[in-house]
Amino acid sequence: MRQLNFVMIFVIGLGLVLFSIQNTEPVSIKFFEGKVIQAPLCIELIVAMGIGAVFAWVFNVWVQVQRIFTIRVEMEARDEQIAHLEEDVERYKAALEEQQRLLPSVSSASTEK
């Protein structure tokens, strides 16, 4: 998987470099009224791709944090369910032992008759 990621990053980087070499004309970007920035198209493209990469990374981290919290909640619910099931098993064991204790007295009473 790392090799595939490397190849994809390499191809995108190579395409960016080739595009940058051919597009050096100055272009103006208007952020808001009265604020205009002029820079070569290749620089603006590199900045835009960098900002996009940062946003993708932040989104990926956010998704992983959400997944961790979801897994933690599921684990707590499963631990609670396991505790209830263990209590049920102990209760059933106690009931079974009680029934087994009563069985010999029932069989000895039937043999006396």
N, C-alpha and C. Protein backbone atom coordinates (compact mmCIF):
# COMPACT_ATOMS: atom_id res chain seq x y z
N MET A 1 0.82 -1.19 0.00
CA MET A 1 0.00 0.00 0.00
C MET A 1 0.87 1.26 0.00
N ARG A 2 1.98 1.21 0.72
CA ARG A 2 2.88 2.36 0.74
C ARG A 2 3.45 2.64 -0.64
N GLN A 3 3.73 1.58 -1.38
CA GLN A 3 4.28 1.77 -2.72
C GLN A 3 3.26 2.43 -3.63
N LEU A 4 2.01 2.03 -3.50
CA LEU A 4 0.96 2.64 -4.31
C LEU A 4 0.80 4.12 -3.94
N ASN A 5 0.85 4.43 -2.66
CA ASN A 5 0.78 5.83 -2.23
C ASN A 5 1.95 6.62 -2.78
N PHE A 6 3.15 6.04 -2.72
CA PHE A 6 4.33 6.72 -3.25
C PHE A 6 4.18 7.00 -4.75
N VAL A 7 3.71 6.02 -5.49
CA VAL A 7 3.54 6.19 -6.94
C VAL A 7 2.52 7.28 -7.22
N MET A 8 1.41 7.29 -6.48
CA MET A 8 0.39 8.31 -6.70
C MET A 8 0.93 9.71 -6.39
N ILE A 9 1.65 9.84 -5.27
CA ILE A 9 2.22 11.15 -4.91
C ILE A 9 3.27 11.56 -5.94
N PHE A 10 4.07 10.63 -6.40
CA PHE A 10 5.09 10.93 -7.41
C PHE A 10 4.45 11.41 -8.70
N VAL A 11 3.41 10.73 -9.17
CA VAL A 11 2.75 11.11 -10.42
C VAL A 11 2.10 12.48 -10.28
N ILE A 12 1.43 12.73 -9.17
CA ILE A 12 0.81 14.05 -8.96
C ILE A 12 1.87 15.14 -8.89
N GLY A 13 2.96 14.88 -8.18
CA GLY A 13 4.05 15.85 -8.09
C GLY A 13 4.68 16.11 -9.44
N LEU A 14 4.90 15.06 -10.21
CA LEU A 14 5.48 15.22 -11.55
C LEU A 14 4.54 16.03 -12.43
N GLY A 15 3.26 15.74 -12.37
CA GLY A 15 2.29 16.52 -13.15
C GLY A 15 2.28 17.97 -12.74
N LEU A 16 2.39 18.22 -11.42
CA LEU A 16 2.42 19.59 -10.92
C LEU A 16 3.67 20.33 -11.43
N VAL A 17 4.80 19.66 -11.41
CA VAL A 17 6.04 20.28 -11.90
C VAL A 17 5.93 20.60 -13.40
N LEU A 18 5.45 19.64 -14.19
CA LEU A 18 5.31 19.88 -15.63
C LEU A 18 4.32 21.01 -15.92
N PHE A 19 3.23 21.04 -15.16
CA PHE A 19 2.26 22.12 -15.33
C PHE A 19 2.87 23.46 -14.94
N SER A 20 3.67 23.46 -13.88
CA SER A 20 4.29 24.70 -13.40
C SER A 20 5.28 25.26 -14.41
N ILE A 21 6.03 24.40 -15.05
CA ILE A 21 7.02 24.85 -16.03
C ILE A 21 6.34 25.56 -17.19
N GLN A 22 5.15 25.10 -17.57
CA GLN A 22 4.48 25.66 -18.74
C GLN A 22 3.57 26.84 -18.40
N ASN A 23 3.28 27.08 -17.13
CA ASN A 23 2.33 28.13 -16.75
C ASN A 23 2.97 29.09 -15.74
N THR A 24 3.76 30.03 -16.27
CA THR A 24 4.44 30.98 -15.39
C THR A 24 3.85 32.39 -15.50
N GLU A 25 2.76 32.56 -16.24
CA GLU A 25 2.15 33.88 -16.39
C GLU A 25 1.55 34.33 -15.06
N PRO A 26 1.67 35.63 -14.76
CA PRO A 26 1.07 36.13 -13.50
C PRO A 26 -0.46 36.14 -13.60
N VAL A 27 -1.06 35.76 -12.49
CA VAL A 27 -2.52 35.71 -12.39
C VAL A 27 -2.89 36.41 -11.10
N SER A 28 -4.02 37.11 -11.09
CA SER A 28 -4.44 37.80 -9.87
C SER A 28 -5.59 37.04 -9.22
N ILE A 29 -5.53 36.99 -7.89
CA ILE A 29 -6.57 36.36 -7.08
C ILE A 29 -7.18 37.43 -6.20
N LYS A 30 -8.50 37.51 -6.24
CA LYS A 30 -9.21 38.50 -5.43
C LYS A 30 -9.82 37.77 -4.23
N PHE A 31 -9.27 37.99 -3.03
CA PHE A 31 -9.77 37.34 -1.81
C PHE A 31 -11.06 37.99 -1.35
N PHE A 32 -11.03 39.28 -1.19
CA PHE A 32 -12.21 40.06 -0.83
C PHE A 32 -12.01 41.46 -1.37
N GLU A 33 -13.00 42.30 -1.22
CA GLU A 33 -12.94 43.64 -1.82
C GLU A 33 -11.70 44.41 -1.38
N GLY A 34 -10.89 44.80 -2.35
CA GLY A 34 -9.72 45.60 -2.06
C GLY A 34 -8.45 44.78 -1.83
N LYS A 35 -8.52 43.47 -1.75
CA LYS A 35 -7.34 42.63 -1.50
C LYS A 35 -7.14 41.71 -2.70
N VAL A 36 -6.16 42.05 -3.54
CA VAL A 36 -5.84 41.28 -4.74
C VAL A 36 -4.38 40.87 -4.65
N ILE A 37 -4.12 39.60 -4.92
CA ILE A 37 -2.75 39.09 -4.92
C ILE A 37 -2.41 38.63 -6.33
N GLN A 38 -1.24 39.05 -6.80
CA GLN A 38 -0.76 38.61 -8.11
C GLN A 38 0.44 37.71 -7.90
N ALA A 39 0.38 36.54 -8.54
CA ALA A 39 1.49 35.58 -8.47
C ALA A 39 1.41 34.68 -9.70
N PRO A 40 2.50 34.02 -10.02
CA PRO A 40 2.45 33.08 -11.15
C PRO A 40 1.44 31.96 -10.88
N LEU A 41 0.82 31.52 -11.94
CA LEU A 41 -0.20 30.48 -11.84
C LEU A 41 0.35 29.22 -11.17
N CYS A 42 1.59 28.88 -11.44
CA CYS A 42 2.17 27.66 -10.87
C CYS A 42 2.28 27.77 -9.34
N ILE A 43 2.64 28.94 -8.84
CA ILE A 43 2.75 29.14 -7.38
C ILE A 43 1.37 29.03 -6.74
N GLU A 44 0.37 29.65 -7.37
CA GLU A 44 -0.99 29.59 -6.83
C GLU A 44 -1.51 28.16 -6.83
N LEU A 45 -1.18 27.41 -7.86
CA LEU A 45 -1.61 26.02 -7.92
C LEU A 45 -0.93 25.19 -6.82
N ILE A 46 0.35 25.40 -6.61
CA ILE A 46 1.07 24.66 -5.56
C ILE A 46 0.49 25.00 -4.19
N VAL A 47 0.20 26.27 -3.94
CA VAL A 47 -0.39 26.67 -2.66
C VAL A 47 -1.77 26.03 -2.50
N ALA A 48 -2.57 26.06 -3.57
CA ALA A 48 -3.92 25.47 -3.50
C ALA A 48 -3.84 23.96 -3.23
N MET A 49 -2.92 23.27 -3.87
CA MET A 49 -2.77 21.83 -3.63
C MET A 49 -2.28 21.57 -2.21
N GLY A 50 -1.39 22.41 -1.72
CA GLY A 50 -0.91 22.26 -0.34
C GLY A 50 -2.03 22.44 0.67
N ILE A 51 -2.86 23.46 0.45
CA ILE A 51 -4.00 23.69 1.34
C ILE A 51 -4.98 22.51 1.26
N GLY A 52 -5.20 22.00 0.07
CA GLY A 52 -6.07 20.83 -0.09
C GLY A 52 -5.51 19.61 0.62
N ALA A 53 -4.20 19.42 0.56
CA ALA A 53 -3.57 18.28 1.25
C ALA A 53 -3.72 18.42 2.76
N VAL A 54 -3.56 19.64 3.26
CA VAL A 54 -3.72 19.87 4.70
C VAL A 54 -5.16 19.59 5.12
N PHE A 55 -6.13 20.07 4.33
CA PHE A 55 -7.53 19.79 4.65
C PHE A 55 -7.83 18.29 4.63
N ALA A 56 -7.27 17.56 3.66
CA ALA A 56 -7.47 16.11 3.59
C ALA A 56 -6.88 15.43 4.82
N TRP A 57 -5.70 15.87 5.24
CA TRP A 57 -5.07 15.29 6.42
C TRP A 57 -5.91 15.55 7.68
N VAL A 58 -6.38 16.80 7.83
CA VAL A 58 -7.20 17.15 9.00
C VAL A 58 -8.49 16.33 9.00
N PHE A 59 -9.11 16.17 7.84
CA PHE A 59 -10.33 15.36 7.75
C PHE A 59 -10.04 13.92 8.12
N ASN A 60 -8.92 13.37 7.66
CA ASN A 60 -8.56 12.00 7.99
C ASN A 60 -8.35 11.83 9.49
N VAL A 61 -7.67 12.77 10.12
CA VAL A 61 -7.47 12.71 11.57
C VAL A 61 -8.80 12.79 12.29
N TRP A 62 -9.68 13.67 11.83
CA TRP A 62 -11.00 13.81 12.46
C TRP A 62 -11.80 12.51 12.37
N VAL A 63 -11.77 11.85 11.22
CA VAL A 63 -12.49 10.59 11.04
C VAL A 63 -11.92 9.52 11.97
N GLN A 64 -10.61 9.47 12.11
CA GLN A 64 -10.00 8.47 12.99
C GLN A 64 -10.34 8.74 14.45
N VAL A 65 -10.39 10.00 14.86
CA VAL A 65 -10.78 10.34 16.23
C VAL A 65 -12.23 9.92 16.48
N GLN A 66 -13.11 10.18 15.53
CA GLN A 66 -14.51 9.75 15.67
C GLN A 66 -14.60 8.23 15.77
N ARG A 67 -13.82 7.53 14.97
CA ARG A 67 -13.83 6.06 14.99
C ARG A 67 -13.36 5.55 16.35
N ILE A 68 -12.35 6.18 16.92
CA ILE A 68 -11.86 5.76 18.24
C ILE A 68 -12.95 5.93 19.28
N PHE A 69 -13.66 7.07 19.26
CA PHE A 69 -14.73 7.29 20.23
C PHE A 69 -15.87 6.30 20.03
N THR A 70 -16.20 6.00 18.77
CA THR A 70 -17.26 5.03 18.49
C THR A 70 -16.87 3.65 18.99
N ILE A 71 -15.64 3.25 18.75
CA ILE A 71 -15.17 1.94 19.20
C ILE A 71 -15.17 1.88 20.72
N ARG A 72 -14.78 2.98 21.37
CA ARG A 72 -14.75 3.01 22.83
C ARG A 72 -16.16 2.83 23.40
N VAL A 73 -17.14 3.49 22.81
CA VAL A 73 -18.52 3.36 23.27
C VAL A 73 -19.01 1.93 23.07
N GLU A 74 -18.70 1.34 21.91
CA GLU A 74 -19.10 -0.04 21.64
C GLU A 74 -18.43 -1.00 22.62
N MET A 75 -17.17 -0.75 22.93
CA MET A 75 -16.46 -1.62 23.88
C MET A 75 -17.08 -1.54 25.27
N GLU A 76 -17.46 -0.34 25.70
CA GLU A 76 -18.09 -0.19 27.01
C GLU A 76 -19.43 -0.92 27.04
N ALA A 77 -20.19 -0.83 25.95
CA ALA A 77 -21.48 -1.53 25.89
C ALA A 77 -21.26 -3.04 25.92
N ARG A 78 -20.26 -3.53 25.22
CA ARG A 78 -19.98 -4.96 25.21
C ARG A 78 -19.47 -5.43 26.57
N ASP A 79 -18.64 -4.61 27.23
CA ASP A 79 -18.17 -4.98 28.57
C ASP A 79 -19.34 -5.08 29.54
N GLU A 80 -20.28 -4.16 29.43
CA GLU A 80 -21.46 -4.19 30.29
C GLU A 80 -22.30 -5.44 30.00
N GLN A 81 -22.45 -5.76 28.73
CA GLN A 81 -23.20 -6.95 28.35
C GLN A 81 -22.49 -8.22 28.86
N ILE A 82 -21.18 -8.26 28.77
CA ILE A 82 -20.42 -9.40 29.28
C ILE A 82 -20.60 -9.54 30.78
N ALA A 83 -20.59 -8.42 31.49
CA ALA A 83 -20.79 -8.47 32.95
C ALA A 83 -22.17 -9.03 33.28
N HIS A 84 -23.21 -8.60 32.55
CA HIS A 84 -24.55 -9.14 32.79
C HIS A 84 -24.61 -10.62 32.49
N LEU A 85 -23.98 -11.03 31.41
CA LEU A 85 -23.98 -12.45 31.06
C LEU A 85 -23.23 -13.28 32.09
N GLU A 86 -22.12 -12.75 32.62
CA GLU A 86 -21.39 -13.47 33.66
C GLU A 86 -22.24 -13.60 34.93
N GLU A 87 -23.00 -12.55 35.26
CA GLU A 87 -23.91 -12.63 36.40
C GLU A 87 -24.96 -13.70 36.17
N ASP A 88 -25.49 -13.76 34.94
CA ASP A 88 -26.49 -14.79 34.62
C ASP A 88 -25.88 -16.19 34.76
N VAL A 89 -24.65 -16.36 34.29
CA VAL A 89 -23.99 -17.67 34.39
C VAL A 89 -23.82 -18.07 35.86
N GLU A 90 -23.40 -17.13 36.68
CA GLU A 90 -23.24 -17.43 38.11
C GLU A 90 -24.58 -17.78 38.75
N ARG A 91 -25.62 -17.06 38.39
CA ARG A 91 -26.95 -17.34 38.93
C ARG A 91 -27.42 -18.72 38.48
N TYR A 92 -27.19 -19.06 37.21
CA TYR A 92 -27.59 -20.38 36.71
C TYR A 92 -26.78 -21.49 37.37
N LYS A 93 -25.49 -21.24 37.61
CA LYS A 93 -24.67 -22.24 38.30
C LYS A 93 -25.20 -22.49 39.71
N ALA A 94 -25.54 -21.41 40.40
CA ALA A 94 -26.08 -21.55 41.75
C ALA A 94 -27.40 -22.31 41.73
N ALA A 95 -28.26 -22.01 40.78
CA ALA A 95 -29.54 -22.72 40.67
C ALA A 95 -29.32 -24.19 40.35
N LEU A 96 -28.37 -24.48 39.48
CA LEU A 96 -28.07 -25.86 39.11
C LEU A 96 -27.52 -26.63 40.30
N GLU A 97 -26.62 -26.01 41.06
CA GLU A 97 -26.08 -26.67 42.25
C GLU A 97 -27.18 -26.94 43.27
N GLU A 98 -28.09 -26.01 43.40
CA GLU A 98 -29.22 -26.19 44.31
C GLU A 98 -30.10 -27.35 43.86
N GLN A 99 -30.34 -27.43 42.57
CA GLN A 99 -31.15 -28.52 42.04
C GLN A 99 -30.43 -29.85 42.19
N GLN A 100 -29.13 -29.88 41.98
CA GLN A 100 -28.37 -31.12 42.14
C GLN A 100 -28.35 -31.56 43.59
N ARG A 101 -28.31 -30.62 44.51
CA ARG A 101 -28.34 -30.95 45.92
C ARG A 101 -29.69 -31.56 46.30
N LEU A 102 -30.75 -31.11 45.67
CA LEU A 102 -32.08 -31.63 45.97
C LEU A 102 -32.34 -32.98 45.31
N LEU A 103 -31.68 -33.28 44.23
CA LEU A 103 -31.94 -34.53 43.50
C LEU A 103 -31.65 -35.78 44.34
N PRO A 104 -30.54 -35.90 45.03
CA PRO A 104 -30.31 -37.14 45.79
C PRO A 104 -31.38 -37.36 46.85
N SER A 105 -31.86 -36.31 47.48
CA SER A 105 -32.88 -36.51 48.51
C SER A 105 -34.18 -36.98 47.88
N VAL A 106 -34.48 -36.55 46.68
CA VAL A 106 -35.68 -37.01 46.00
C VAL A 106 -35.52 -38.47 45.62
N SER A 107 -34.37 -38.88 45.14
CA SER A 107 -34.17 -40.27 44.74
C SER A 107 -34.11 -41.17 45.95
N SER A 108 -33.58 -40.73 47.09
CA SER A 108 -33.55 -41.57 48.28
C SER A 108 -34.94 -41.71 48.88
N ALA A 109 -35.78 -40.69 48.74
CA ALA A 109 -37.15 -40.79 49.23
C ALA A 109 -37.97 -41.76 48.39
N SER A 110 -37.72 -41.84 47.12
CA SER A 110 -38.45 -42.75 46.28
C SER A 110 -38.00 -44.18 46.51
N THR A 111 -36.76 -44.41 46.89
CA THR A 111 -36.28 -45.76 47.18
C THR A 111 -36.82 -46.25 48.51
N GLU A 112 -37.12 -45.38 49.45
CA GLU A 112 -37.66 -45.78 50.75
C GLU A 112 -39.10 -46.26 50.62
N LYS A 113 -39.82 -45.83 49.67
CA LYS A 113 -41.23 -46.21 49.52
C LYS A 113 -41.29 -47.59 49.02
